[in-house]
Amino acid sequence: MIRVLGLNGSPRNYGNTYKLLKVALEMAEELGAEVKLINLYELNIRDCIGCLADEQRACRYPCVIDDDMRIVYDEVLRSDGIIFATPMYWYSPSAAMKRVIDRLTALENMIVIEGKSWLEGKVAGIIAVGNDSGEIQLASLMYATLNTMGFIIPPFALAFFNREGDVLDDEATLIEAANVGRAVTLMAGLVKGFNDSWFDPKIKEWLHRVKIKVRNEAEKAMKKVKPERLKLIMKLLR
């Protein structure tokens, strides 16, 4: 069974962000996934206090902050795919969504504790909604953050709506949202059961050999190419 979790980062559990997330989850369910939707503004989730800045190993699961993020942690851990849906607040995710992403560091930082991020291999999709431009900047920020945490982001796992009006009247955007649910579900099915690690922190011996090889090749190329480059640069300076 594939489990897909939808996180609604909008304070309006009836608005366009919610509607697109619901469409995505309906498609995931259509494909056989077990789905769940959480409205983040209904939970009491406090700001990250940055434990790892004082002691990196202090940032771990369970987080030292005892609040409703425990609910999100448990649902994220049992899910194969997570769809992050948020309105755009000044080209960024909402405060509730940003708090959740910051607090997910407790799962990502398990790589320091156990050698593997607890988010590694989970699949992410993104839905961004606003009345103005900025959705690509928001999505790019979230893509980079979530992928660095260990999430897999499949093709077409992004839908956005940046106009006024009811998104349910925009068929093209609804199709994109449905495909977010489809992409997340299909990718989760492909990687489920993959037991190897995508990120290996224990590659120092291999890296030492490769570093020597790369340095030798770069120095050889420099001896061949740099004199010609310097000649060209000196001509430009005359």
Foldseek 3Di string as FASTA:
>chain_A
DAEEEEEEQDPDCVAQLVVLSVLLVVLLVVVPYHYYYDDLVVWDFDADPCPVVVPLVQQAPPHPDPTCLVVVVVSLLVHQEYEYTAEDDPLEGDPSSVRSLNSLVNQLSCCVVPVHRSQANRAYAYEYEEQADNPVSHVVVVVVSSVVSHHDYFPLRYAYYHHDDGCVVPVVRSVSSNVNSVRNSVSSVVCPPPDDGPDGPPCVVVVVVVVVVVVVVVVVVCVVPVVVVVVVVVVVVD
